[in-house]
Amino acid sequence: MLEFRIQHESEQGEAGATRKVSAEVVAMAFEAQARLVAGARLGAALRAGGFLAAKSRRSKKLVLHVTDIEFIEGA
């Protein structure tokens, strides 16, 4: 298991206007995905898919559980 952070920045449309979005998301990965992230360079661009869940039974903080990861070359 590997816990890491993903920095997200984009522009999204909302109510007919463009909005700049920036957020940092705590993520965790297991097995093959954890090995991929551990071997990646810091700041590597990626596309991650998975699901949101509470960090633990005692904590309601959301964590992205990464089940699919794709590194984006040239980004």
N, C-alpha and C. Protein backbone atom coordinates (compact mmCIF):
# COMPACT_ATOMS: atom_id res chain seq x y z
N MET A 1 0.85 -1.17 0.00
CA MET A 1 0.00 0.00 0.00
C MET A 1 0.89 1.23 0.00
N LEU A 2 0.52 2.20 -0.80
CA LEU A 2 1.25 3.46 -0.90
C LEU A 2 0.26 4.60 -0.80
N GLU A 3 0.52 5.55 0.11
CA GLU A 3 -0.30 6.75 0.21
C GLU A 3 0.47 7.88 -0.42
N PHE A 4 -0.20 8.70 -1.23
CA PHE A 4 0.45 9.81 -1.91
C PHE A 4 -0.57 10.91 -2.16
N ARG A 5 -0.12 12.02 -2.75
CA ARG A 5 -1.01 13.15 -3.04
C ARG A 5 -1.00 13.43 -4.53
N ILE A 6 -2.15 13.79 -5.04
CA ILE A 6 -2.30 14.17 -6.44
C ILE A 6 -2.70 15.63 -6.48
N GLN A 7 -1.97 16.42 -7.26
CA GLN A 7 -2.30 17.83 -7.46
C GLN A 7 -3.10 17.94 -8.75
N HIS A 8 -4.27 18.54 -8.68
CA HIS A 8 -5.14 18.69 -9.85
C HIS A 8 -5.29 20.17 -10.18
N GLU A 9 -5.14 20.50 -11.46
CA GLU A 9 -5.39 21.86 -11.94
C GLU A 9 -6.07 21.76 -13.29
N SER A 10 -7.17 22.49 -13.47
CA SER A 10 -7.88 22.49 -14.74
C SER A 10 -8.79 23.71 -14.82
N GLU A 11 -9.44 23.84 -15.98
CA GLU A 11 -10.48 24.84 -16.16
C GLU A 11 -11.76 24.09 -16.46
N GLN A 12 -12.82 24.43 -15.76
CA GLN A 12 -14.10 23.74 -15.88
C GLN A 12 -15.20 24.75 -16.17
N GLY A 13 -16.18 24.32 -16.94
CA GLY A 13 -17.33 25.17 -17.20
C GLY A 13 -18.36 25.02 -16.10
N GLU A 14 -18.87 26.16 -15.63
CA GLU A 14 -19.90 26.14 -14.59
C GLU A 14 -20.80 27.35 -14.79
N ALA A 15 -22.08 27.11 -14.94
CA ALA A 15 -23.09 28.17 -15.09
C ALA A 15 -22.72 29.14 -16.22
N GLY A 16 -22.20 28.59 -17.33
CA GLY A 16 -21.88 29.41 -18.48
C GLY A 16 -20.56 30.15 -18.40
N ALA A 17 -19.78 29.93 -17.36
CA ALA A 17 -18.49 30.60 -17.20
C ALA A 17 -17.39 29.56 -17.02
N THR A 18 -16.17 29.98 -17.27
CA THR A 18 -15.01 29.12 -17.05
C THR A 18 -14.44 29.39 -15.67
N ARG A 19 -14.18 28.32 -14.95
CA ARG A 19 -13.66 28.43 -13.59
C ARG A 19 -12.36 27.66 -13.48
N LYS A 20 -11.33 28.30 -12.91
CA LYS A 20 -10.06 27.61 -12.65
C LYS A 20 -10.21 26.78 -11.38
N VAL A 21 -9.83 25.52 -11.48
CA VAL A 21 -9.95 24.60 -10.36
C VAL A 21 -8.57 24.11 -9.98
N SER A 22 -8.26 24.12 -8.69
CA SER A 22 -7.00 23.62 -8.18
C SER A 22 -7.28 22.91 -6.86
N ALA A 23 -6.79 21.69 -6.74
CA ALA A 23 -7.03 20.93 -5.52
C ALA A 23 -5.93 19.89 -5.34
N GLU A 24 -5.71 19.52 -4.09
CA GLU A 24 -4.78 18.43 -3.77
C GLU A 24 -5.61 17.32 -3.14
N VAL A 25 -5.43 16.11 -3.66
CA VAL A 25 -6.22 14.97 -3.21
C VAL A 25 -5.30 13.92 -2.62
N VAL A 26 -5.64 13.42 -1.43
CA VAL A 26 -4.90 12.31 -0.85
C VAL A 26 -5.37 11.04 -1.55
N ALA A 27 -4.42 10.22 -1.96
CA ALA A 27 -4.74 8.99 -2.68
C ALA A 27 -3.97 7.83 -2.09
N MET A 28 -4.46 6.63 -2.35
CA MET A 28 -3.73 5.43 -1.97
C MET A 28 -3.86 4.41 -3.08
N ALA A 29 -2.83 3.60 -3.21
CA ALA A 29 -2.83 2.56 -4.23
C ALA A 29 -2.26 1.29 -3.62
N PHE A 30 -2.67 0.16 -4.17
CA PHE A 30 -2.22 -1.14 -3.70
C PHE A 30 -1.58 -1.91 -4.85
N GLU A 31 -0.76 -2.85 -4.53
CA GLU A 31 -0.14 -3.81 -5.45
C GLU A 31 0.46 -3.15 -6.69
N ALA A 32 0.01 -3.52 -7.89
CA ALA A 32 0.63 -3.06 -9.13
C ALA A 32 0.57 -1.54 -9.27
N GLN A 33 -0.56 -0.93 -8.90
CA GLN A 33 -0.67 0.52 -9.00
C GLN A 33 0.30 1.20 -8.03
N ALA A 34 0.48 0.66 -6.85
CA ALA A 34 1.42 1.22 -5.88
C ALA A 34 2.85 1.16 -6.42
N ARG A 35 3.20 0.06 -7.07
CA ARG A 35 4.54 -0.06 -7.65
C ARG A 35 4.75 0.96 -8.78
N LEU A 36 3.72 1.17 -9.59
CA LEU A 36 3.82 2.17 -10.66
C LEU A 36 4.06 3.57 -10.09
N VAL A 37 3.29 3.94 -9.08
CA VAL A 37 3.43 5.27 -8.48
C VAL A 37 4.79 5.41 -7.80
N ALA A 38 5.23 4.38 -7.10
CA ALA A 38 6.52 4.43 -6.40
C ALA A 38 7.68 4.64 -7.37
N GLY A 39 7.55 4.13 -8.59
CA GLY A 39 8.61 4.27 -9.58
C GLY A 39 8.53 5.52 -10.42
N ALA A 40 7.49 6.30 -10.24
CA ALA A 40 7.29 7.52 -11.05
C ALA A 40 8.11 8.68 -10.51
N ARG A 41 8.43 9.59 -11.41
CA ARG A 41 9.15 10.80 -10.97
C ARG A 41 8.15 11.76 -10.32
N LEU A 42 8.65 12.54 -9.38
CA LEU A 42 7.82 13.53 -8.70
C LEU A 42 7.31 14.54 -9.73
N GLY A 43 6.03 14.81 -9.71
CA GLY A 43 5.43 15.76 -10.63
C GLY A 43 5.00 15.16 -11.96
N ALA A 44 5.12 13.85 -12.11
CA ALA A 44 4.72 13.19 -13.35
C ALA A 44 3.22 13.39 -13.58
N ALA A 45 2.85 13.67 -14.83
CA ALA A 45 1.44 13.84 -15.18
C ALA A 45 0.80 12.46 -15.29
N LEU A 46 -0.41 12.35 -14.76
CA LEU A 46 -1.08 11.06 -14.80
C LEU A 46 -2.59 11.23 -14.83
N ARG A 47 -3.24 10.16 -15.21
CA ARG A 47 -4.70 10.08 -15.17
C ARG A 47 -5.01 8.92 -14.24
N ALA A 48 -5.76 9.19 -13.18
CA ALA A 48 -6.05 8.17 -12.18
C ALA A 48 -7.55 7.95 -12.09
N GLY A 49 -7.94 6.71 -11.95
CA GLY A 49 -9.34 6.35 -11.75
C GLY A 49 -9.46 5.48 -10.52
N GLY A 50 -10.61 5.49 -9.92
CA GLY A 50 -10.82 4.69 -8.73
C GLY A 50 -12.10 5.10 -8.04
N PHE A 51 -12.07 5.08 -6.72
CA PHE A 51 -13.26 5.44 -5.95
C PHE A 51 -12.87 6.21 -4.71
N LEU A 52 -13.81 7.00 -4.21
CA LEU A 52 -13.62 7.75 -2.97
C LEU A 52 -14.16 6.95 -1.81
N ALA A 53 -13.43 6.98 -0.70
CA ALA A 53 -13.89 6.30 0.52
C ALA A 53 -13.30 7.04 1.71
N ALA A 54 -13.92 6.85 2.87
CA ALA A 54 -13.38 7.43 4.11
C ALA A 54 -12.01 6.81 4.37
N LYS A 55 -11.11 7.61 4.93
CA LYS A 55 -9.75 7.14 5.20
C LYS A 55 -9.73 5.93 6.13
N SER A 56 -10.61 5.94 7.11
CA SER A 56 -10.70 4.81 8.05
C SER A 56 -12.09 4.83 8.68
N ARG A 57 -12.34 3.88 9.53
CA ARG A 57 -13.64 3.85 10.21
C ARG A 57 -13.82 5.04 11.14
N ARG A 58 -12.72 5.54 11.67
CA ARG A 58 -12.78 6.67 12.60
C ARG A 58 -12.69 8.03 11.92
N SER A 59 -12.16 8.06 10.71
CA SER A 59 -11.95 9.32 10.00
C SER A 59 -12.90 9.42 8.81
N LYS A 60 -13.55 10.54 8.68
CA LYS A 60 -14.45 10.77 7.55
C LYS A 60 -13.76 11.48 6.39
N LYS A 61 -12.45 11.76 6.51
CA LYS A 61 -11.72 12.40 5.42
C LYS A 61 -11.72 11.48 4.22
N LEU A 62 -11.96 12.07 3.04
CA LEU A 62 -12.01 11.27 1.82
C LEU A 62 -10.62 11.00 1.27
N VAL A 63 -10.45 9.80 0.75
CA VAL A 63 -9.22 9.37 0.10
C VAL A 63 -9.59 8.74 -1.23
N LEU A 64 -8.84 9.06 -2.28
CA LEU A 64 -9.05 8.43 -3.57
C LEU A 64 -8.29 7.11 -3.58
N HIS A 65 -9.01 6.01 -3.72
CA HIS A 65 -8.39 4.69 -3.85
C HIS A 65 -8.16 4.46 -5.34
N VAL A 66 -6.91 4.51 -5.77
CA VAL A 66 -6.57 4.42 -7.18
C VAL A 66 -6.58 2.96 -7.62
N THR A 67 -7.44 2.65 -8.58
CA THR A 67 -7.51 1.29 -9.12
C THR A 67 -7.01 1.22 -10.56
N ASP A 68 -6.86 2.40 -11.20
CA ASP A 68 -6.38 2.46 -12.57
C ASP A 68 -5.51 3.70 -12.69
N ILE A 69 -4.32 3.55 -13.26
CA ILE A 69 -3.42 4.69 -13.41
C ILE A 69 -2.77 4.65 -14.78
N GLU A 70 -2.68 5.83 -15.39
CA GLU A 70 -2.06 5.97 -16.71
C GLU A 70 -1.17 7.20 -16.67
N PHE A 71 0.10 7.03 -16.98
CA PHE A 71 1.02 8.16 -17.03
C PHE A 71 0.92 8.81 -18.40
N ILE A 72 0.92 10.15 -18.41
CA ILE A 72 0.75 10.91 -19.65
C ILE A 72 2.11 11.46 -20.05
N GLU A 73 2.62 10.97 -21.17
CA GLU A 73 3.94 11.39 -21.64
C GLU A 73 3.86 12.75 -22.30
N GLY A 74 4.87 13.56 -22.08
CA GLY A 74 4.94 14.87 -22.71
C GLY A 74 4.09 15.94 -22.05
N ALA A 75 3.49 15.62 -20.91
CA ALA A 75 2.66 16.62 -20.24
C ALA A 75 3.39 17.24 -19.07
